[in-house]
Protein backbone atom coordinates (compact mmCIF):
# COMPACT_ATOMS: atom_id res chain seq x y z
CA MET A 1 0.09 -0.18 0.01
CA GLU A 2 2.69 2.30 0.71
CA GLU A 3 4.02 1.99 -2.71
CA ARG A 4 0.85 2.93 -4.25
CA GLY A 5 0.78 6.16 -2.18
CA PHE A 6 4.25 7.04 -3.11
CA LEU A 7 3.43 6.52 -6.83
CA LEU A 8 0.46 8.62 -6.58
CA LEU A 9 2.25 11.43 -4.98
CA ILE A 10 4.87 11.33 -7.78
CA ALA A 11 2.06 11.52 -10.39
CA VAL A 12 0.44 14.30 -8.73
CA SER A 13 3.74 16.14 -8.37
CA ILE A 14 4.55 15.72 -12.05
CA ALA A 15 1.01 16.86 -12.86
CA PHE A 16 1.46 19.89 -10.72
CA LEU A 17 4.79 20.81 -12.51
CA VAL A 18 3.21 20.45 -15.83
CA GLY A 19 0.42 22.69 -14.80
CA LEU A 20 2.84 25.32 -13.75
CA TRP A 21 4.42 25.12 -17.03
CA GLY A 22 0.95 25.37 -18.64
CA SER A 23 0.22 28.56 -16.61
CA GLN A 24 2.63 30.36 -18.70
CA ARG A 25 0.68 29.21 -21.87
CA LYS A 26 -2.76 29.77 -23.13
CA ILE A 27 -3.73 26.20 -21.95
CA GLY A 28 -3.70 27.63 -18.38
CA PHE A 29 -2.93 25.68 -15.04
CA TRP A 30 -6.11 23.76 -14.69
CA TRP A 31 -6.21 22.35 -18.05
CA ALA A 32 -2.57 21.25 -18.13
CA PHE A 33 -2.93 19.86 -14.54
CA GLY A 34 -6.13 17.99 -15.41
CA ILE A 35 -4.71 16.48 -18.65
CA SER A 36 -1.47 15.58 -16.92
CA LEU A 37 -3.19 13.60 -14.19
CA VAL A 38 -4.85 11.58 -16.89
CA ASN A 39 -1.52 10.94 -18.53
CA ALA A 40 1.70 12.96 -17.99
CA VAL A 41 3.11 12.62 -21.46
CA ILE A 42 0.13 13.60 -23.29
CA GLY A 43 -0.05 16.56 -20.82
CA ILE A 44 3.55 17.56 -21.70
CA ILE A 45 2.89 17.29 -25.36
CA VAL A 46 -0.20 19.40 -24.93
CA VAL A 47 1.53 22.05 -23.09
CA ALA A 48 4.51 22.13 -25.34
CA CYS A 49 2.00 22.53 -28.27
CA SER A 50 0.17 25.42 -26.68
CA LYS A 51 1.14 29.03 -27.78
CA LYS A 52 3.01 30.96 -25.00
CA LEU A 53 1.11 34.04 -23.15
CA THR A 54 2.27 37.40 -24.65
CA ASN A 55 2.68 40.43 -22.48
CA GLU A 56 1.03 43.66 -23.47
CA LYS A 57 4.18 45.73 -22.57
CA GLU A 58 6.36 43.54 -24.98
CA ASP A 59 3.89 44.00 -27.80
CA SER A 60 3.61 47.64 -27.48
CA LYS A 61 7.55 48.04 -27.81
CA LYS A 62 7.61 46.52 -31.16
């Protein structure tokens, strides 16, 4: 039983990290986190394909 809890903790931690990465992209934290809970590899691919958020300040300088 301890192994299952440890593996669950690792899976949720990885999903959280992918969610943090997704918060800097258009997909957002919650979608990235949810998809990563289902399958971490698919979550990473979806976040990597999502466009980055743009800062209005950076756009006004161009």
